[in-house]
């Protein structure tokens, strides 16, 4: 069967990772959550005092990049790979609202993007990969056989994110999550380096009113059209 690269881009909290995991599991492909990589660097910056609400020591972070080691390690109990930062499992820590509030600012830094894009391209050199993020179809894999761009209203995405955080026991309000979603949208679409845009040959999916199963079935049909050619 033909092996392809599947690039999934889109706004925050559109369910990119959920869809990517479903596809990777069904196809037996490698799944890479590039957002987790940026989140891990945001966590590193927070832990080392390089970033706060009104402060970013970009130079110190850039100088620290060679010492930042990232890797994914598969966890059979949960069925997907978790993010490790300098050999420490940080999967739980990187999913907090605190990290979410800084990740888009970290992703604006060109040196950070260059480091991670290089790693991502290396991961996908043999194809048979599903990767999600903000610039996968435009920068990381511009020649991907299938490019999906996911969107939904900010309110819908905020409600999904709020429900997810509340289920984990995080003390957040819907208004706080909505503000975070809107701020990330603005930063992601207005940064100078690799802004969030839909690739010309991408297929847009607005999942505001789609179930996970409906979304998966629609995209799987697109995949099968390509791999069965």
C-alpha atoms as a PDB file:
ATOM      1  CA  UNK A   1       0.000   0.000   0.000  1.00  0.00           C
ATOM      2  CA  UNK A   2       1.255   3.479  -0.888  1.00  0.00           C
ATOM      3  CA  UNK A   3       2.736   5.394   2.068  1.00  0.00           C
ATOM      4  CA  UNK A   4       1.918   9.092   2.300  1.00  0.00           C
ATOM      5  CA  UNK A   5       2.466  12.134   4.495  1.00  0.00           C
ATOM      6  CA  UNK A   6      -0.645  13.608   6.111  1.00  0.00           C
ATOM      7  CA  UNK A   7      -0.328  17.227   7.272  1.00  0.00           C
ATOM      8  CA  UNK A   8      -3.023  18.574   9.583  1.00  0.00           C
ATOM      9  CA  UNK A   9      -3.006  22.293  10.344  1.00  0.00           C
ATOM     10  CA  UNK A  10      -5.510  24.632  11.930  1.00  0.00           C
ATOM     11  CA  UNK A  11      -6.474  26.794  14.850  1.00  0.00           C
ATOM     12  CA  UNK A  12      -6.024  25.814  18.491  1.00  0.00           C
ATOM     13  CA  UNK A  13      -8.541  23.420  20.037  1.00  0.00           C
ATOM     14  CA  UNK A  14      -9.980  22.237  16.729  1.00  0.00           C
ATOM     15  CA  UNK A  15      -9.227  18.614  17.581  1.00  0.00           C
ATOM     16  CA  UNK A  16      -6.220  18.286  15.283  1.00  0.00           C
ATOM     17  CA  UNK A  17      -4.427  15.890  17.620  1.00  0.00           C
ATOM     18  CA  UNK A  18      -7.519  13.743  18.139  1.00  0.00           C
ATOM     19  CA  UNK A  19      -7.993  13.335  14.397  1.00  0.00           C
ATOM     20  CA  UNK A  20      -4.283  12.736  13.809  1.00  0.00           C
ATOM     21  CA  UNK A  21      -4.166  10.017  16.483  1.00  0.00           C
ATOM     22  CA  UNK A  22      -7.231   8.311  15.004  1.00  0.00           C
ATOM     23  CA  UNK A  23      -5.722   8.293  11.516  1.00  0.00           C
ATOM     24  CA  UNK A  24      -2.295   7.138  12.671  1.00  0.00           C
ATOM     25  CA  UNK A  25      -3.778   4.269  14.675  1.00  0.00           C
ATOM     26  CA  UNK A  26      -6.053   3.167  11.820  1.00  0.00           C
ATOM     27  CA  UNK A  27      -3.303   3.355   9.192  1.00  0.00           C
ATOM     28  CA  UNK A  28      -0.434   2.109  11.346  1.00  0.00           C
ATOM     29  CA  UNK A  29       1.369   5.404  10.791  1.00  0.00           C
ATOM     30  CA  UNK A  30       3.645   7.415  13.074  1.00  0.00           C
ATOM     31  CA  UNK A  31       1.880  10.306  14.823  1.00  0.00           C
ATOM     32  CA  UNK A  32       3.702  13.506  15.755  1.00  0.00           C
ATOM     33  CA  UNK A  33       2.092  16.280  17.807  1.00  0.00           C
ATOM     34  CA  UNK A  34       4.243  19.296  16.923  1.00  0.00           C
ATOM     35  CA  UNK A  35       2.248  21.465  19.325  1.00  0.00           C
ATOM     36  CA  UNK A  36       3.617  19.358  22.168  1.00  0.00           C
ATOM     37  CA  UNK A  37       7.137  20.258  21.057  1.00  0.00           C
ATOM     38  CA  UNK A  38       6.424  23.993  21.204  1.00  0.00           C
ATOM     39  CA  UNK A  39       4.611  23.522  24.503  1.00  0.00           C
ATOM     40  CA  UNK A  40       7.655  21.733  25.934  1.00  0.00           C
ATOM     41  CA  UNK A  41       9.906  24.653  25.019  1.00  0.00           C
ATOM     42  CA  UNK A  42       7.358  27.053  26.531  1.00  0.00           C
ATOM     43  CA  UNK A  43       7.456  24.977  29.731  1.00  0.00           C
ATOM     44  CA  UNK A  44      11.274  25.093  29.689  1.00  0.00           C
ATOM     45  CA  UNK A  45      11.145  28.892  29.322  1.00  0.00           C
ATOM     46  CA  UNK A  46       8.698  29.167  32.234  1.00  0.00           C
ATOM     47  CA  UNK A  47      10.748  26.912  34.499  1.00  0.00           C
ATOM     48  CA  UNK A  48      13.915  28.898  33.795  1.00  0.00           C
ATOM     49  CA  UNK A  49      12.361  32.340  34.239  1.00  0.00           C
ATOM     50  CA  UNK A  50      12.674  33.295  30.572  1.00  0.00           C
ATOM     51  CA  UNK A  51       9.014  34.173  30.136  1.00  0.00           C
ATOM     52  CA  UNK A  52       6.192  35.653  32.200  1.00  0.00           C
ATOM     53  CA  UNK A  53       3.055  37.658  31.492  1.00  0.00           C
ATOM     54  CA  UNK A  54       4.937  40.848  30.586  1.00  0.00           C
ATOM     55  CA  UNK A  55       8.472  39.536  30.004  1.00  0.00           C
ATOM     56  CA  UNK A  56      10.350  37.406  27.468  1.00  0.00           C
ATOM     57  CA  UNK A  57      14.105  36.862  27.615  1.00  0.00           C
ATOM     58  CA  UNK A  58      14.366  35.706  24.019  1.00  0.00           C
ATOM     59  CA  UNK A  59      18.173  35.820  23.893  1.00  0.00           C
ATOM     60  CA  UNK A  60      18.601  33.505  26.906  1.00  0.00           C
ATOM     61  CA  UNK A  61      16.078  31.052  25.498  1.00  0.00           C
ATOM     62  CA  UNK A  62      17.789  31.022  22.105  1.00  0.00           C
ATOM     63  CA  UNK A  63      21.159  30.441  23.781  1.00  0.00           C
ATOM     64  CA  UNK A  64      19.630  27.517  25.701  1.00  0.00           C
ATOM     65  CA  UNK A  65      18.207  25.752  22.633  1.00  0.00           C
ATOM     66  CA  UNK A  66      21.220  23.439  22.124  1.00  0.00           C
ATOM     67  CA  UNK A  67      20.684  22.053  25.647  1.00  0.00           C
ATOM     68  CA  UNK A  68      16.977  21.325  25.120  1.00  0.00           C
ATOM     69  CA  UNK A  69      16.383  17.683  24.235  1.00  0.00           C
ATOM     70  CA  UNK A  70      12.920  16.655  23.097  1.00  0.00           C
ATOM     71  CA  UNK A  71      11.628  13.212  22.244  1.00  0.00           C
ATOM     72  CA  UNK A  72       8.382  11.263  22.089  1.00  0.00           C
ATOM     73  CA  UNK A  73       8.051   7.939  23.888  1.00  0.00           C
ATOM     74  CA  UNK A  74       5.163   5.576  23.225  1.00  0.00           C
ATOM     75  CA  UNK A  75       2.993   4.720  26.238  1.00  0.00           C
ATOM     76  CA  UNK A  76       1.186   1.431  25.608  1.00  0.00           C
ATOM     77  CA  UNK A  77      -1.254   2.075  28.475  1.00  0.00           C
ATOM     78  CA  UNK A  78      -2.760   5.140  26.798  1.00  0.00           C
ATOM     79  CA  UNK A  79      -2.019   4.244  23.195  1.00  0.00           C
ATOM     80  CA  UNK A  80       0.061   7.225  22.101  1.00  0.00           C
ATOM     81  CA  UNK A  81       3.488   8.786  22.501  1.00  0.00           C
ATOM     82  CA  UNK A  82       4.115  11.271  25.304  1.00  0.00           C
ATOM     83  CA  UNK A  83       6.385  14.318  25.276  1.00  0.00           C
ATOM     84  CA  UNK A  84       9.702  14.191  27.126  1.00  0.00           C
ATOM     85  CA  UNK A  85      11.764  17.287  27.912  1.00  0.00           C
ATOM     86  CA  UNK A  86      15.374  16.549  28.835  1.00  0.00           C
ATOM     87  CA  UNK A  87      14.407  12.936  29.667  1.00  0.00           C
ATOM     88  CA  UNK A  88      11.454  13.955  31.889  1.00  0.00           C
ATOM     89  CA  UNK A  89       7.864  13.110  30.976  1.00  0.00           C
ATOM     90  CA  UNK A  90       6.085  16.482  30.774  1.00  0.00           C
ATOM     91  CA  UNK A  91       2.902  15.376  28.989  1.00  0.00           C
ATOM     92  CA  UNK A  92       0.671  16.556  31.847  1.00  0.00           C
ATOM     93  CA  UNK A  93       2.557  19.779  32.542  1.00  0.00           C
ATOM     94  CA  UNK A  94       2.474  21.025  28.945  1.00  0.00           C
ATOM     95  CA  UNK A  95      -1.336  20.768  28.721  1.00  0.00           C
ATOM     96  CA  UNK A  96      -2.079  23.420  31.350  1.00  0.00           C
ATOM     97  CA  UNK A  97      -3.694  26.787  30.660  1.00  0.00           C
ATOM     98  CA  UNK A  98      -0.491  28.444  31.917  1.00  0.00           C
ATOM     99  CA  UNK A  99       1.585  26.839  29.168  1.00  0.00           C
ATOM    100  CA  UNK A 100      -1.184  27.561  26.647  1.00  0.00           C
ATOM    101  CA  UNK A 101      -0.935  31.258  27.459  1.00  0.00           C
ATOM    102  CA  UNK A 102       2.739  31.369  26.429  1.00  0.00           C
ATOM    103  CA  UNK A 103       3.112  28.799  23.655  1.00  0.00           C
ATOM    104  CA  UNK A 104       2.159  31.096  20.754  1.00  0.00           C
ATOM    105  CA  UNK A 105       4.719  33.680  21.896  1.00  0.00           C
ATOM    106  CA  UNK A 106       7.402  30.995  22.005  1.00  0.00           C
ATOM    107  CA  UNK A 107       6.361  29.768  18.544  1.00  0.00           C
ATOM    108  CA  UNK A 108       6.978  33.287  17.155  1.00  0.00           C
ATOM    109  CA  UNK A 109      10.729  32.931  17.746  1.00  0.00           C
ATOM    110  CA  UNK A 110      12.411  32.028  14.447  1.00  0.00           C
ATOM    111  CA  UNK A 111      15.263  30.133  16.088  1.00  0.00           C
ATOM    112  CA  UNK A 112      12.799  27.931  17.962  1.00  0.00           C
ATOM    113  CA  UNK A 113      10.851  27.216  14.785  1.00  0.00           C
ATOM    114  CA  UNK A 114      14.049  26.387  12.859  1.00  0.00           C
ATOM    115  CA  UNK A 115      15.144  23.879  15.507  1.00  0.00           C
ATOM    116  CA  UNK A 116      11.790  22.135  15.629  1.00  0.00           C
ATOM    117  CA  UNK A 117      11.075  22.151  11.881  1.00  0.00           C
ATOM    118  CA  UNK A 118      14.408  20.430  11.276  1.00  0.00           C
ATOM    119  CA  UNK A 119      13.491  17.709  13.786  1.00  0.00           C
ATOM    120  CA  UNK A 120       9.997  17.336  12.320  1.00  0.00           C
ATOM    121  CA  UNK A 121      11.272  16.956   8.766  1.00  0.00           C
ATOM    122  CA  UNK A 122      13.706  14.293   9.919  1.00  0.00           C
ATOM    123  CA  UNK A 123      10.861  12.397  11.602  1.00  0.00           C
ATOM    124  CA  UNK A 124       8.888  12.354   8.361  1.00  0.00           C
ATOM    125  CA  UNK A 125      11.582  11.510   5.823  1.00  0.00           C
ATOM    126  CA  UNK A 126      10.210   7.976   5.336  1.00  0.00           C
ATOM    127  CA  UNK A 127       6.568   9.062   5.025  1.00  0.00           C
ATOM    128  CA  UNK A 128       3.816   6.945   6.697  1.00  0.00           C
ATOM    129  CA  UNK A 129       3.368   9.821   9.157  1.00  0.00           C
ATOM    130  CA  UNK A 130       0.522  11.997  10.429  1.00  0.00           C
ATOM    131  CA  UNK A 131       1.700  15.336  11.797  1.00  0.00           C
ATOM    132  CA  UNK A 132      -0.407  18.152  13.173  1.00  0.00           C
ATOM    133  CA  UNK A 133       0.430  21.745  13.976  1.00  0.00           C
ATOM    134  CA  UNK A 134       0.301  25.246  12.491  1.00  0.00           C
ATOM    135  CA  UNK A 135       2.743  25.126   9.558  1.00  0.00           C
ATOM    136  CA  UNK A 136       2.934  21.464   8.576  1.00  0.00           C
ATOM    137  CA  UNK A 137       1.419  21.783   5.104  1.00  0.00           C
ATOM    138  CA  UNK A 138       3.055  25.138   4.365  1.00  0.00           C
ATOM    139  CA  UNK A 139       6.560  24.792   5.837  1.00  0.00           C
ATOM    140  CA  UNK A 140       7.376  21.358   7.282  1.00  0.00           C
ATOM    141  CA  UNK A 141       5.899  19.190   4.513  1.00  0.00           C
ATOM    142  CA  UNK A 142       4.889  21.444   1.589  1.00  0.00           C
ATOM    143  CA  UNK A 143       4.820  18.334  -0.638  1.00  0.00           C
ATOM    144  CA  UNK A 144       2.531  16.292   1.639  1.00  0.00           C
ATOM    145  CA  UNK A 145       0.100  14.162  -0.331  1.00  0.00           C
ATOM    146  CA  UNK A 146      -2.813  15.190   1.902  1.00  0.00           C
ATOM    147  CA  UNK A 147      -3.188  18.515   3.669  1.00  0.00           C
ATOM    148  CA  UNK A 148      -6.082  19.197   6.017  1.00  0.00           C
ATOM    149  CA  UNK A 149      -6.879  22.605   7.527  1.00  0.00           C
ATOM    150  CA  UNK A 150      -9.190  22.469  10.531  1.00  0.00           C
ATOM    151  CA  UNK A 151     -11.290  25.295  11.887  1.00  0.00           C
ATOM    152  CA  UNK A 152     -14.283  25.994  14.130  1.00  0.00           C
ATOM    153  CA  UNK A 153     -15.724  29.083  15.807  1.00  0.00           C
ATOM    154  CA  UNK A 154     -13.700  30.506  18.727  1.00  0.00           C
ATOM    155  CA  UNK A 155     -16.661  29.940  21.049  1.00  0.00           C
ATOM    156  CA  UNK A 156     -16.980  26.291  20.072  1.00  0.00           C
ATOM    157  CA  UNK A 157     -13.266  25.708  20.528  1.00  0.00           C
ATOM    158  CA  UNK A 158     -13.209  27.497  23.876  1.00  0.00           C
ATOM    159  CA  UNK A 159     -16.090  25.372  25.167  1.00  0.00           C
ATOM    160  CA  UNK A 160     -14.307  22.177  24.123  1.00  0.00           C
ATOM    161  CA  UNK A 161     -11.082  23.298  25.761  1.00  0.00           C
ATOM    162  CA  UNK A 162     -12.890  24.434  28.914  1.00  0.00           C
ATOM    163  CA  UNK A 163     -14.676  21.070  29.229  1.00  0.00           C
ATOM    164  CA  UNK A 164     -11.361  19.258  28.790  1.00  0.00           C
ATOM    165  CA  UNK A 165      -9.558  21.331  31.427  1.00  0.00           C
ATOM    166  CA  UNK A 166     -12.479  21.134  33.862  1.00  0.00           C
ATOM    167  CA  UNK A 167     -12.510  17.332  33.502  1.00  0.00           C
ATOM    168  CA  UNK A 168      -8.843  17.334  34.512  1.00  0.00           C
ATOM    169  CA  UNK A 169      -9.649  19.370  37.619  1.00  0.00           C
ATOM    170  CA  UNK A 170      -8.080  22.647  36.442  1.00  0.00           C
ATOM    171  CA  UNK A 171      -9.604  25.753  38.029  1.00  0.00           C
ATOM    172  CA  UNK A 172     -10.406  27.845  34.953  1.00  0.00           C
ATOM    173  CA  UNK A 173     -13.367  29.852  33.681  1.00  0.00           C
ATOM    174  CA  UNK A 174     -14.897  29.712  30.205  1.00  0.00           C
ATOM    175  CA  UNK A 175     -14.151  33.419  29.732  1.00  0.00           C
ATOM    176  CA  UNK A 176     -10.482  32.840  30.563  1.00  0.00           C
ATOM    177  CA  UNK A 177     -10.243  29.986  28.062  1.00  0.00           C
ATOM    178  CA  UNK A 178     -12.042  31.973  25.337  1.00  0.00           C
ATOM    179  CA  UNK A 179      -9.661  34.901  25.818  1.00  0.00           C
ATOM    180  CA  UNK A 180      -6.719  32.492  25.525  1.00  0.00           C
ATOM    181  CA  UNK A 181      -8.117  30.974  22.314  1.00  0.00           C
ATOM    182  CA  UNK A 182      -8.652  34.409  20.758  1.00  0.00           C
ATOM    183  CA  UNK A 183      -5.199  35.635  21.768  1.00  0.00           C
ATOM    184  CA  UNK A 184      -3.535  32.529  20.325  1.00  0.00           C
ATOM    185  CA  UNK A 185      -5.505  32.907  17.088  1.00  0.00           C
ATOM    186  CA  UNK A 186      -4.244  36.468  16.692  1.00  0.00           C
ATOM    187  CA  UNK A 187      -0.617  35.657  17.444  1.00  0.00           C
ATOM    188  CA  UNK A 188      -0.613  32.511  15.280  1.00  0.00           C
ATOM    189  CA  UNK A 189      -2.037  34.323  12.255  1.00  0.00           C
ATOM    190  CA  UNK A 190       0.011  37.530  12.596  1.00  0.00           C
ATOM    191  CA  UNK A 191       3.544  36.319  13.385  1.00  0.00           C
ATOM    192  CA  UNK A 192       6.245  37.152  10.830  1.00  0.00           C
ATOM    193  CA  UNK A 193       7.741  33.651  10.678  1.00  0.00           C
ATOM    194  CA  UNK A 194       5.454  30.922   9.299  1.00  0.00           C
ATOM    195  CA  UNK A 195       2.070  32.411  10.249  1.00  0.00           C
ATOM    196  CA  UNK A 196      -0.939  30.125  10.409  1.00  0.00           C
ATOM    197  CA  UNK A 197      -2.410  30.091   6.908  1.00  0.00           C
ATOM    198  CA  UNK A 198      -4.169  27.462   4.860  1.00  0.00           C
ATOM    199  CA  UNK A 199      -2.018  25.937   2.131  1.00  0.00           C
ATOM    200  CA  UNK A 200      -3.438  26.491  -1.344  1.00  0.00           C
ATOM    201  CA  UNK A 201      -3.882  22.753  -1.859  1.00  0.00           C
ATOM    202  CA  UNK A 202      -5.286  22.020   1.611  1.00  0.00           C
ATOM    203  CA  UNK A 203      -8.831  20.826   2.258  1.00  0.00           C
ATOM    204  CA  UNK A 204     -10.647  22.917   4.856  1.00  0.00           C
ATOM    205  CA  UNK A 205     -12.816  21.194   7.444  1.00  0.00           C
ATOM    206  CA  UNK A 206     -15.040  23.249   9.742  1.00  0.00           C
ATOM    207  CA  UNK A 207     -15.885  20.809  12.525  1.00  0.00           C
ATOM    208  CA  UNK A 208     -18.083  23.151  14.587  1.00  0.00           C
ATOM    209  CA  UNK A 209     -20.989  20.769  14.108  1.00  0.00           C
ATOM    210  CA  UNK A 210     -19.219  17.491  13.343  1.00  0.00           C
ATOM    211  CA  UNK A 211     -18.774  14.601  15.745  1.00  0.00           C
ATOM    212  CA  UNK A 212     -15.330  13.022  16.028  1.00  0.00           C
ATOM    213  CA  UNK A 213     -16.620   9.987  14.154  1.00  0.00           C
ATOM    214  CA  UNK A 214     -18.068  12.056  11.289  1.00  0.00           C
ATOM    215  CA  UNK A 215     -14.844  14.002  10.975  1.00  0.00           C
ATOM    216  CA  UNK A 216     -12.693  10.865  11.010  1.00  0.00           C
ATOM    217  CA  UNK A 217     -14.820   9.126   8.391  1.00  0.00           C
ATOM    218  CA  UNK A 218     -14.681  12.145   6.075  1.00  0.00           C
ATOM    219  CA  UNK A 219     -10.894  12.453   6.265  1.00  0.00           C
ATOM    220  CA  UNK A 220     -10.309   8.698   6.053  1.00  0.00           C
ATOM    221  CA  UNK A 221     -12.226   8.707   2.773  1.00  0.00           C
ATOM    222  CA  UNK A 222      -9.811  11.360   1.467  1.00  0.00           C
ATOM    223  CA  UNK A 223      -6.833   9.280   2.605  1.00  0.00           C
ATOM    224  CA  UNK A 224      -8.101   6.121   0.959  1.00  0.00           C
ATOM    225  CA  UNK A 225      -8.642   7.937  -2.340  1.00  0.00           C
ATOM    226  CA  UNK A 226      -4.930   8.825  -2.360  1.00  0.00           C
ATOM    227  CA  UNK A 227      -3.349   5.595  -1.111  1.00  0.00           C
ATOM    228  CA  UNK A 228      -5.445   3.427  -3.419  1.00  0.00           C
ATOM    229  CA  UNK A 229      -4.513   5.307  -6.587  1.00  0.00           C
END
